[in-house]
Amino acid sequence: MALAPSLHSLVHPTAVTVLQHDLPGLPEIVAQEVATFTVRRLGVLAAHMRLGVAAIALLVRLFASIAGQPRLLWLSKTHLPLLGEYFRLIRSLSYAYIWEK
């Protein structure tokens, strides 16, 4: 199954950044593989959920491109309703993949 290019370009860099921060000993190649798995799993969500995730991911990527990586990591610890859930979704999919591997 081909990855949705827009979802991949929005979620993948954020997932890699969060993984490298949360698990500093994780090799780069594994972080890339886990982030790709995360994007694949998000790609099979129902259309309305995928649209919502893409909208939040777009806002997060814009914020990261303006504010930088340290602020993105700060944002990943937020408890704001939608942003907190977005990062929790990325972490839960990523950690589940690592745990099973």
PDB file of N, CA and C in Angstrom:
ATOM      1  N   MET A   1       0.843  -1.170   0.000  1.00  0.00           N
ATOM      2  CA  MET A   1       0.000   0.000   0.000  1.00  0.00           C
ATOM      3  C   MET A   1       0.888   1.233   0.000  1.00  0.00           C
ATOM      4  N   ALA A   2       0.621   2.141  -0.887  1.00  0.00           N
ATOM      5  CA  ALA A   2       1.405   3.370  -0.977  1.00  0.00           C
ATOM      6  C   ALA A   2       1.013   4.320   0.152  1.00  0.00           C
ATOM      7  N   LEU A   3       2.009   5.011   0.658  1.00  0.00           N
ATOM      8  CA  LEU A   3       1.750   5.989   1.707  1.00  0.00           C
ATOM      9  C   LEU A   3       1.186   7.257   1.099  1.00  0.00           C
ATOM     10  N   ALA A   4       0.249   7.866   1.777  1.00  0.00           N
ATOM     11  CA  ALA A   4      -0.267   9.148   1.321  1.00  0.00           C
ATOM     12  C   ALA A   4       0.850  10.178   1.463  1.00  0.00           C
ATOM     13  N   PRO A   5       1.272  10.801   0.357  1.00  0.00           N
ATOM     14  CA  PRO A   5       2.427  11.696   0.434  1.00  0.00           C
ATOM     15  C   PRO A   5       2.230  12.849   1.403  1.00  0.00           C
ATOM     16  N   SER A   6       1.044  13.408   1.451  1.00  0.00           N
ATOM     17  CA  SER A   6       0.836  14.545   2.343  1.00  0.00           C
ATOM     18  C   SER A   6       0.914  14.116   3.803  1.00  0.00           C
ATOM     19  N   LEU A   7       0.303  13.007   4.140  1.00  0.00           N
ATOM     20  CA  LEU A   7       0.342  12.523   5.512  1.00  0.00           C
ATOM     21  C   LEU A   7       1.770  12.153   5.903  1.00  0.00           C
ATOM     22  N   HIS A   8       2.495  11.541   4.983  1.00  0.00           N
ATOM     23  CA  HIS A   8       3.874  11.164   5.268  1.00  0.00           C
ATOM     24  C   HIS A   8       4.733  12.393   5.532  1.00  0.00           C
ATOM     25  N   SER A   9       4.613  13.406   4.697  1.00  0.00           N
ATOM     26  CA  SER A   9       5.452  14.595   4.870  1.00  0.00           C
ATOM     27  C   SER A   9       5.064  15.397   6.107  1.00  0.00           C
ATOM     28  N   LEU A  10       3.847  15.242   6.584  1.00  0.00           N
ATOM     29  CA  LEU A  10       3.415  15.968   7.774  1.00  0.00           C
ATOM     30  C   LEU A  10       3.756  15.237   9.067  1.00  0.00           C
ATOM     31  N   VAL A  11       3.549  13.938   9.101  1.00  0.00           N
ATOM     32  CA  VAL A  11       3.671  13.180  10.350  1.00  0.00           C
ATOM     33  C   VAL A  11       5.071  12.605  10.552  1.00  0.00           C
ATOM     34  N   HIS A  12       5.701  12.133   9.500  1.00  0.00           N
ATOM     35  CA  HIS A  12       6.972  11.426   9.625  1.00  0.00           C
ATOM     36  C   HIS A  12       8.050  12.236  10.347  1.00  0.00           C
ATOM     37  N   PRO A  13       8.330  13.481   9.954  1.00  0.00           N
ATOM     38  CA  PRO A  13       9.381  14.234  10.658  1.00  0.00           C
ATOM     39  C   PRO A  13       9.066  14.453  12.140  1.00  0.00           C
ATOM     40  N   THR A  14       7.811  14.683  12.448  1.00  0.00           N
ATOM     41  CA  THR A  14       7.418  14.875  13.847  1.00  0.00           C
ATOM     42  C   THR A  14       7.606  13.586  14.629  1.00  0.00           C
ATOM     43  N   ALA A  15       7.216  12.473  14.041  1.00  0.00           N
ATOM     44  CA  ALA A  15       7.364  11.183  14.716  1.00  0.00           C
ATOM     45  C   ALA A  15       8.833  10.871  14.980  1.00  0.00           C
ATOM     46  N   VAL A  16       9.691  11.135  14.013  1.00  0.00           N
ATOM     47  CA  VAL A  16      11.128  10.884  14.196  1.00  0.00           C
ATOM     48  C   VAL A  16      11.681  11.767  15.310  1.00  0.00           C
ATOM     49  N   THR A  17      11.312  13.035  15.311  1.00  0.00           N
ATOM     50  CA  THR A  17      11.796  13.962  16.342  1.00  0.00           C
ATOM     51  C   THR A  17      11.360  13.523  17.735  1.00  0.00           C
ATOM     52  N   VAL A  18      10.098  13.155  17.875  1.00  0.00           N
ATOM     53  CA  VAL A  18       9.586  12.723  19.177  1.00  0.00           C
ATOM     54  C   VAL A  18      10.264  11.429  19.613  1.00  0.00           C
ATOM     55  N   LEU A  19      10.440  10.493  18.692  1.00  0.00           N
ATOM     56  CA  LEU A  19      11.102   9.230  19.029  1.00  0.00           C
ATOM     57  C   LEU A  19      12.544   9.446  19.461  1.00  0.00           C
ATOM     58  N   GLN A  20      13.273  10.273  18.738  1.00  0.00           N
ATOM     59  CA  GLN A  20      14.671  10.511  19.084  1.00  0.00           C
ATOM     60  C   GLN A  20      14.801  11.212  20.428  1.00  0.00           C
ATOM     61  N   HIS A  21      13.825  12.015  20.775  1.00  0.00           N
ATOM     62  CA  HIS A  21      13.857  12.671  22.086  1.00  0.00           C
ATOM     63  C   HIS A  21      13.479  11.695  23.200  1.00  0.00           C
ATOM     64  N   ASP A  22      12.423  10.924  22.992  1.00  0.00           N
ATOM     65  CA  ASP A  22      11.939  10.009  24.026  1.00  0.00           C
ATOM     66  C   ASP A  22      12.855   8.804  24.219  1.00  0.00           C
ATOM     67  N   LEU A  23      13.444   8.329  23.134  1.00  0.00           N
ATOM     68  CA  LEU A  23      14.309   7.142  23.173  1.00  0.00           C
ATOM     69  C   LEU A  23      15.661   7.484  22.541  1.00  0.00           C
ATOM     70  N   PRO A  24      16.534   8.168  23.276  1.00  0.00           N
ATOM     71  CA  PRO A  24      17.784   8.642  22.671  1.00  0.00           C
ATOM     72  C   PRO A  24      18.711   7.524  22.190  1.00  0.00           C
ATOM     73  N   GLY A  25      18.583   6.322  22.712  1.00  0.00           N
ATOM     74  CA  GLY A  25      19.434   5.221  22.283  1.00  0.00           C
ATOM     75  C   GLY A  25      18.939   4.503  21.038  1.00  0.00           C
ATOM     76  N   LEU A  26      17.809   4.914  20.517  1.00  0.00           N
ATOM     77  CA  LEU A  26      17.220   4.265  19.346  1.00  0.00           C
ATOM     78  C   LEU A  26      18.020   4.624  18.096  1.00  0.00           C
ATOM     79  N   PRO A  27      18.509   3.629  17.356  1.00  0.00           N
ATOM     80  CA  PRO A  27      19.267   3.934  16.131  1.00  0.00           C
ATOM     81  C   PRO A  27      18.405   4.686  15.113  1.00  0.00           C
ATOM     82  N   GLU A  28      19.047   5.515  14.316  1.00  0.00           N
ATOM     83  CA  GLU A  28      18.353   6.355  13.328  1.00  0.00           C
ATOM     84  C   GLU A  28      17.522   5.508  12.364  1.00  0.00           C
ATOM     85  N   ILE A  29      18.075   4.402  11.897  1.00  0.00           N
ATOM     86  CA  ILE A  29      17.368   3.566  10.923  1.00  0.00           C
ATOM     87  C   ILE A  29      16.090   2.987  11.540  1.00  0.00           C
ATOM     88  N   VAL A  30      16.148   2.627  12.809  1.00  0.00           N
ATOM     89  CA  VAL A  30      14.964   2.093  13.488  1.00  0.00           C
ATOM     90  C   VAL A  30      13.935   3.200  13.695  1.00  0.00           C
ATOM     91  N   ALA A  31      14.390   4.392  14.049  1.00  0.00           N
ATOM     92  CA  ALA A  31      13.467   5.520  14.216  1.00  0.00           C
ATOM     93  C   ALA A  31      12.739   5.818  12.908  1.00  0.00           C
ATOM     94  N   GLN A  32      13.454   5.757  11.796  1.00  0.00           N
ATOM     95  CA  GLN A  32      12.829   5.979  10.490  1.00  0.00           C
ATOM     96  C   GLN A  32      11.800   4.888  10.189  1.00  0.00           C
ATOM     97  N   GLU A  33      12.161   3.648  10.495  1.00  0.00           N
ATOM     98  CA  GLU A  33      11.254   2.516  10.253  1.00  0.00           C
ATOM     99  C   GLU A  33       9.988   2.631  11.103  1.00  0.00           C
ATOM    100  N   VAL A  34      10.168   3.000  12.362  1.00  0.00           N
ATOM    101  CA  VAL A  34       9.025   3.142  13.265  1.00  0.00           C
ATOM    102  C   VAL A  34       8.122   4.292  12.813  1.00  0.00           C
ATOM    103  N   ALA A  35       8.722   5.404  12.404  1.00  0.00           N
ATOM    104  CA  ALA A  35       7.935   6.548  11.933  1.00  0.00           C
ATOM    105  C   ALA A  35       7.158   6.186  10.671  1.00  0.00           C
ATOM    106  N   THR A  36       7.765   5.413   9.789  1.00  0.00           N
ATOM    107  CA  THR A  36       7.072   4.969   8.581  1.00  0.00           C
ATOM    108  C   THR A  36       5.896   4.063   8.939  1.00  0.00           C
ATOM    109  N   PHE A  37       6.097   3.168   9.903  1.00  0.00           N
ATOM    110  CA  PHE A  37       4.996   2.323  10.371  1.00  0.00           C
ATOM    111  C   PHE A  37       3.858   3.179  10.924  1.00  0.00           C
ATOM    112  N   THR A  38       4.207   4.191  11.707  1.00  0.00           N
ATOM    113  CA  THR A  38       3.203   5.076  12.294  1.00  0.00           C
ATOM    114  C   THR A  38       2.381   5.756  11.209  1.00  0.00           C
ATOM    115  N   VAL A  39       3.046   6.256  10.177  1.00  0.00           N
ATOM    116  CA  VAL A  39       2.339   6.916   9.073  1.00  0.00           C
ATOM    117  C   VAL A  39       1.442   5.918   8.344  1.00  0.00           C
ATOM    118  N   ARG A  40       1.941   4.694   8.144  1.00  0.00           N
ATOM    119  CA  ARG A  40       1.124   3.667   7.480  1.00  0.00           C
ATOM    120  C   ARG A  40      -0.144   3.382   8.270  1.00  0.00           C
ATOM    121  N   ARG A  41      -0.014   3.278   9.588  1.00  0.00           N
ATOM    122  CA  ARG A  41      -1.188   3.003  10.425  1.00  0.00           C
ATOM    123  C   ARG A  41      -2.165   4.174  10.402  1.00  0.00           C
ATOM    124  N   LEU A  42      -1.649   5.387  10.371  1.00  0.00           N
ATOM    125  CA  LEU A  42      -2.528   6.554  10.289  1.00  0.00           C
ATOM    126  C   LEU A  42      -3.210   6.623   8.929  1.00  0.00           C
ATOM    127  N   GLY A  43      -2.561   6.070   7.917  1.00  0.00           N
ATOM    128  CA  GLY A  43      -3.124   6.088   6.573  1.00  0.00           C
ATOM    129  C   GLY A  43      -4.339   5.207   6.401  1.00  0.00           C
ATOM    130  N   VAL A  44      -4.560   4.267   7.314  1.00  0.00           N
ATOM    131  CA  VAL A  44      -5.719   3.380   7.197  1.00  0.00           C
ATOM    132  C   VAL A  44      -6.862   3.800   8.119  1.00  0.00           C
ATOM    133  N   LEU A  45      -6.731   4.951   8.745  1.00  0.00           N
ATOM    134  CA  LEU A  45      -7.840   5.473   9.544  1.00  0.00           C
ATOM    135  C   LEU A  45      -9.012   5.820   8.631  1.00  0.00           C
ATOM    136  N   ALA A  46     -10.171   5.925   9.216  1.00  0.00           N
ATOM    137  CA  ALA A  46     -11.340   6.380   8.459  1.00  0.00           C
ATOM    138  C   ALA A  46     -11.055   7.773   7.908  1.00  0.00           C
ATOM    139  N   ALA A  47     -11.686   8.098   6.785  1.00  0.00           N
ATOM    140  CA  ALA A  47     -11.376   9.343   6.070  1.00  0.00           C
ATOM    141  C   ALA A  47     -11.527  10.580   6.944  1.00  0.00           C
ATOM    142  N   HIS A  48     -12.585  10.646   7.726  1.00  0.00           N
ATOM    143  CA  HIS A  48     -12.783  11.840   8.554  1.00  0.00           C
ATOM    144  C   HIS A  48     -11.741  11.941   9.665  1.00  0.00           C
ATOM    145  N   MET A  49     -11.301  10.807  10.200  1.00  0.00           N
ATOM    146  CA  MET A  49     -10.248  10.831  11.222  1.00  0.00           C
ATOM    147  C   MET A  49      -8.907  11.183  10.599  1.00  0.00           C
ATOM    148  N   ARG A  50      -8.647  10.625   9.426  1.00  0.00           N
ATOM    149  CA  ARG A  50      -7.397  10.928   8.718  1.00  0.00           C
ATOM    150  C   ARG A  50      -7.317  12.415   8.384  1.00  0.00           C
ATOM    151  N   LEU A  51      -8.443  12.997   8.001  1.00  0.00           N
ATOM    152  CA  LEU A  51      -8.491  14.430   7.716  1.00  0.00           C
ATOM    153  C   LEU A  51      -8.184  15.245   8.974  1.00  0.00           C
ATOM    154  N   GLY A  52      -8.754  14.848  10.086  1.00  0.00           N
ATOM    155  CA  GLY A  52      -8.490  15.543  11.347  1.00  0.00           C
ATOM    156  C   GLY A  52      -7.038  15.432  11.770  1.00  0.00           C
ATOM    157  N   VAL A  53      -6.469  14.228  11.641  1.00  0.00           N
ATOM    158  CA  VAL A  53      -5.056  14.038  11.983  1.00  0.00           C
ATOM    159  C   VAL A  53      -4.177  14.866  11.057  1.00  0.00           C
ATOM    160  N   ALA A  54      -4.511  14.896   9.771  1.00  0.00           N
ATOM    161  CA  ALA A  54      -3.721  15.689   8.820  1.00  0.00           C
ATOM    162  C   ALA A  54      -3.803  17.180   9.139  1.00  0.00           C
ATOM    163  N   ALA A  55      -4.969  17.652   9.556  1.00  0.00           N
ATOM    164  CA  ALA A  55      -5.118  19.075   9.898  1.00  0.00           C
ATOM    165  C   ALA A  55      -4.270  19.434  11.115  1.00  0.00           C
ATOM    166  N   ILE A  56      -4.300  18.593  12.131  1.00  0.00           N
ATOM    167  CA  ILE A  56      -3.485  18.849  13.320  1.00  0.00           C
ATOM    168  C   ILE A  56      -2.007  18.724  12.978  1.00  0.00           C
ATOM    169  N   ALA A  57      -1.657  17.718  12.158  1.00  0.00           N
ATOM    170  CA  ALA A  57      -0.262  17.536  11.756  1.00  0.00           C
ATOM    171  C   ALA A  57       0.246  18.745  10.980  1.00  0.00           C
ATOM    172  N   LEU A  58      -0.597  19.330  10.156  1.00  0.00           N
ATOM    173  CA  LEU A  58      -0.206  20.527   9.412  1.00  0.00           C
ATOM    174  C   LEU A  58       0.111  21.678  10.364  1.00  0.00           C
ATOM    175  N   LEU A  59      -0.740  21.884  11.344  1.00  0.00           N
ATOM    176  CA  LEU A  59      -0.489  22.939  12.328  1.00  0.00           C
ATOM    177  C   LEU A  59       0.802  22.684  13.109  1.00  0.00           C
ATOM    178  N   VAL A  60       1.029  21.433  13.471  1.00  0.00           N
ATOM    179  CA  VAL A  60       2.243  21.087  14.215  1.00  0.00           C
ATOM    180  C   VAL A  60       3.481  21.312  13.356  1.00  0.00           C
ATOM    181  N   ARG A  61       3.429  20.913  12.073  1.00  0.00           N
ATOM    182  CA  ARG A  61       4.588  21.116  11.186  1.00  0.00           C
ATOM    183  C   ARG A  61       4.857  22.601  10.966  1.00  0.00           C
ATOM    184  N   LEU A  62       3.812  23.392  10.802  1.00  0.00           N
ATOM    185  CA  LEU A  62       3.996  24.841  10.667  1.00  0.00           C
ATOM    186  C   LEU A  62       4.639  25.419  11.919  1.00  0.00           C
ATOM    187  N   PHE A  63       4.156  25.011  13.069  1.00  0.00           N
ATOM    188  CA  PHE A  63       4.730  25.472  14.327  1.00  0.00           C
ATOM    189  C   PHE A  63       6.196  25.064  14.427  1.00  0.00           C
ATOM    190  N   ALA A  64       6.503  23.812  14.069  1.00  0.00           N
ATOM    191  CA  ALA A  64       7.883  23.327  14.157  1.00  0.00           C
ATOM    192  C   ALA A  64       8.799  24.064  13.193  1.00  0.00           C
ATOM    193  N   SER A  65       8.299  24.385  12.007  1.00  0.00           N
ATOM    194  CA  SER A  65       9.150  25.081  11.036  1.00  0.00           C
ATOM    195  C   SER A  65       9.418  26.522  11.457  1.00  0.00           C
ATOM    196  N   ILE A  66       8.498  27.114  12.185  1.00  0.00           N
ATOM    197  CA  ILE A  66       8.689  28.492  12.650  1.00  0.00           C
ATOM    198  C   ILE A  66       9.461  28.533  13.970  1.00  0.00           C
ATOM    199  N   ALA A  67       9.052  27.712  14.918  1.00  0.00           N
ATOM    200  CA  ALA A  67       9.607  27.786  16.268  1.00  0.00           C
ATOM    201  C   ALA A  67      10.822  26.889  16.485  1.00  0.00           C
ATOM    202  N   GLY A  68      10.980  25.838  15.689  1.00  0.00           N
ATOM    203  CA  GLY A  68      12.132  24.953  15.827  1.00  0.00           C
ATOM    204  C   GLY A  68      11.846  23.708  16.652  1.00  0.00           C
ATOM    205  N   GLN A  69      12.842  22.821  16.661  1.00  0.00           N
ATOM    206  CA  GLN A  69      12.706  21.526  17.312  1.00  0.00           C
ATOM    207  C   GLN A  69      12.520  21.620  18.831  1.00  0.00           C
ATOM    208  N   PRO A  70      13.247  22.483  19.543  1.00  0.00           N
ATOM    209  CA  PRO A  70      13.020  22.537  20.995  1.00  0.00           C
ATOM    210  C   PRO A  70      11.583  22.898  21.365  1.00  0.00           C
ATOM    211  N   ARG A  71      10.974  23.793  20.610  1.00  0.00           N
ATOM    212  CA  ARG A  71       9.584  24.162  20.881  1.00  0.00           C
ATOM    213  C   ARG A  71       8.629  23.039  20.482  1.00  0.00           C
ATOM    214  N   LEU A  72       8.991  22.280  19.453  1.00  0.00           N
ATOM    215  CA  LEU A  72       8.162  21.133  19.076  1.00  0.00           C
ATOM    216  C   LEU A  72       8.144  20.116  20.211  1.00  0.00           C
ATOM    217  N   LEU A  73       9.303  19.876  20.815  1.00  0.00           N
ATOM    218  CA  LEU A  73       9.362  18.939  21.934  1.00  0.00           C
ATOM    219  C   LEU A  73       8.588  19.475  23.136  1.00  0.00           C
ATOM    220  N   TRP A  74       8.627  20.790  23.337  1.00  0.00           N
ATOM    221  CA  TRP A  74       7.826  21.405  24.396  1.00  0.00           C
ATOM    222  C   TRP A  74       6.338  21.203  24.097  1.00  0.00           C
ATOM    223  N   LEU A  75       5.968  21.398  22.836  1.00  0.00           N
ATOM    224  CA  LEU A  75       4.575  21.239  22.429  1.00  0.00           C
ATOM    225  C   LEU A  75       4.110  19.792  22.596  1.00  0.00           C
ATOM    226  N   SER A  76       5.039  18.846  22.432  1.00  0.00           N
ATOM    227  CA  SER A  76       4.664  17.433  22.541  1.00  0.00           C
ATOM    228  C   SER A  76       4.292  17.041  23.970  1.00  0.00           C
ATOM    229  N   LYS A  77       4.617  17.886  24.925  1.00  0.00           N
ATOM    230  CA  LYS A  77       4.283  17.594  26.322  1.00  0.00           C
ATOM    231  C   LYS A  77       3.018  18.313  26.779  1.00  0.00           C
ATOM    232  N   THR A  78       2.357  18.985  25.866  1.00  0.00           N
ATOM    233  CA  THR A  78       1.177  19.769  26.225  1.00  0.00           C
ATOM    234  C   THR A  78      -0.018  18.876  26.541  1.00  0.00           C
ATOM    235  N   HIS A  79      -0.928  19.425  27.300  1.00  0.00           N
ATOM    236  CA  HIS A  79      -2.155  18.702  27.631  1.00  0.00           C
ATOM    237  C   HIS A  79      -3.366  19.335  26.960  1.00  0.00           C
ATOM    238  N   LEU A  80      -3.117  20.162  25.956  1.00  0.00           N
ATOM    239  CA  LEU A  80      -4.227  20.744  25.207  1.00  0.00           C
ATOM    240  C   LEU A  80      -4.998  19.626  24.515  1.00  0.00           C
ATOM    241  N   PRO A  81      -6.304  19.723  24.442  1.00  0.00           N
ATOM    242  CA  PRO A  81      -7.125  18.603  23.981  1.00  0.00           C
ATOM    243  C   PRO A  81      -6.695  17.946  22.674  1.00  0.00           C
ATOM    244  N   LEU A  82      -6.587  18.646  21.586  1.00  0.00           N
ATOM    245  CA  LEU A  82      -6.266  17.989  20.317  1.00  0.00           C
ATOM    246  C   LEU A  82      -4.768  17.782  20.130  1.00  0.00           C
ATOM    247  N   LEU A  83      -3.964  18.737  20.520  1.00  0.00           N
ATOM    248  CA  LEU A  83      -2.519  18.594  20.353  1.00  0.00           C
ATOM    249  C   LEU A  83      -1.964  17.472  21.220  1.00  0.00           C
ATOM    250  N   GLY A  84      -2.413  17.410  22.447  1.00  0.00           N
ATOM    251  CA  GLY A  84      -1.962  16.340  23.329  1.00  0.00           C
ATOM    252  C   GLY A  84      -2.334  14.968  22.799  1.00  0.00           C
ATOM    253  N   GLU A  85      -3.528  14.861  22.241  1.00  0.00           N
ATOM    254  CA  GLU A  85      -3.978  13.583  21.678  1.00  0.00           C
ATOM    255  C   GLU A  85      -3.183  13.206  20.432  1.00  0.00           C
ATOM    256  N   TYR A  86      -2.801  14.192  19.645  1.00  0.00           N
ATOM    257  CA  TYR A  86      -2.007  13.924  18.438  1.00  0.00           C
ATOM    258  C   TYR A  86      -0.667  13.296  18.816  1.00  0.00           C
ATOM    259  N   PHE A  87       0.020  13.892  19.771  1.00  0.00           N
ATOM    260  CA  PHE A  87       1.314  13.348  20.187  1.00  0.00           C
ATOM    261  C   PHE A  87       1.147  12.015  20.908  1.00  0.00           C
ATOM    262  N   ARG A  88       0.069  11.855  21.647  1.00  0.00           N
ATOM    263  CA  ARG A  88      -0.194  10.571  22.296  1.00  0.00           C
ATOM    264  C   ARG A  88      -0.438   9.483  21.250  1.00  0.00           C
ATOM    265  N   LEU A  89      -1.123   9.827  20.172  1.00  0.00           N
ATOM    266  CA  LEU A  89      -1.363   8.886  19.081  1.00  0.00           C
ATOM    267  C   LEU A  89      -0.044   8.453  18.445  1.00  0.00           C
ATOM    268  N   ILE A  90       0.821   9.417  18.159  1.00  0.00           N
ATOM    269  CA  ILE A  90       2.128   9.095  17.572  1.00  0.00           C
ATOM    270  C   ILE A  90       2.927   8.199  18.513  1.00  0.00           C
ATOM    271  N   ARG A  91       2.965   8.567  19.776  1.00  0.00           N
ATOM    272  CA  ARG A  91       3.741   7.776  20.739  1.00  0.00           C
ATOM    273  C   ARG A  91       3.167   6.372  20.905  1.00  0.00           C
ATOM    274  N   SER A  92       1.861   6.245  20.990  1.00  0.00           N
ATOM    275  CA  SER A  92       1.278   4.919  21.219  1.00  0.00           C
ATOM    276  C   SER A  92       1.527   3.986  20.041  1.00  0.00           C
ATOM    277  N   LEU A  93       1.377   4.481  18.827  1.00  0.00           N
ATOM    278  CA  LEU A  93       1.657   3.642  17.658  1.00  0.00           C
ATOM    279  C   LEU A  93       3.141   3.286  17.583  1.00  0.00           C
ATOM    280  N   SER A  94       3.989   4.242  17.857  1.00  0.00           N
ATOM    281  CA  SER A  94       5.433   4.014  17.779  1.00  0.00           C
ATOM    282  C   SER A  94       5.902   3.028  18.840  1.00  0.00           C
ATOM    283  N   TYR A  95       5.477   3.239  20.069  1.00  0.00           N
ATOM    284  CA  TYR A  95       5.914   2.360  21.151  1.00  0.00           C
ATOM    285  C   TYR A  95       5.374   0.948  20.973  1.00  0.00           C
ATOM    286  N   ALA A  96       4.155   0.820  20.470  1.00  0.00           N
ATOM    287  CA  ALA A  96       3.599  -0.513  20.224  1.00  0.00           C
ATOM    288  C   ALA A  96       4.432  -1.252  19.186  1.00  0.00           C
ATOM    289  N   TYR A  97       4.863  -0.544  18.149  1.00  0.00           N
ATOM    290  CA  TYR A  97       5.686  -1.176  17.115  1.00  0.00           C
ATOM    291  C   TYR A  97       7.030  -1.606  17.690  1.00  0.00           C
ATOM    292  N   ILE A  98       7.645  -0.734  18.473  1.00  0.00           N
ATOM    293  CA  ILE A  98       8.944  -1.066  19.073  1.00  0.00           C
ATOM    294  C   ILE A  98       8.793  -2.236  20.034  1.00  0.00           C
ATOM    295  N   TRP A  99       7.734  -2.234  20.815  1.00  0.00           N
ATOM    296  CA  TRP A  99       7.513  -3.296  21.791  1.00  0.00           C
ATOM    297  C   TRP A  99       7.343  -4.646  21.099  1.00  0.00           C
ATOM    298  N   GLU A 100       6.604  -4.678  19.997  1.00  0.00           N
ATOM    299  CA  GLU A 100       6.363  -5.923  19.274  1.00  0.00           C
ATOM    300  C   GLU A 100       7.585  -6.388  18.505  1.00  0.00           C
ATOM    301  N   LYS A 101       8.455  -5.474  18.170  1.00  0.00           N
ATOM    302  CA  LYS A 101       9.644  -5.824  17.391  1.00  0.00           C
ATOM    303  C   LYS A 101      10.685  -6.389  18.260  1.00  0.00           C
TER     304      LYS A 101
END
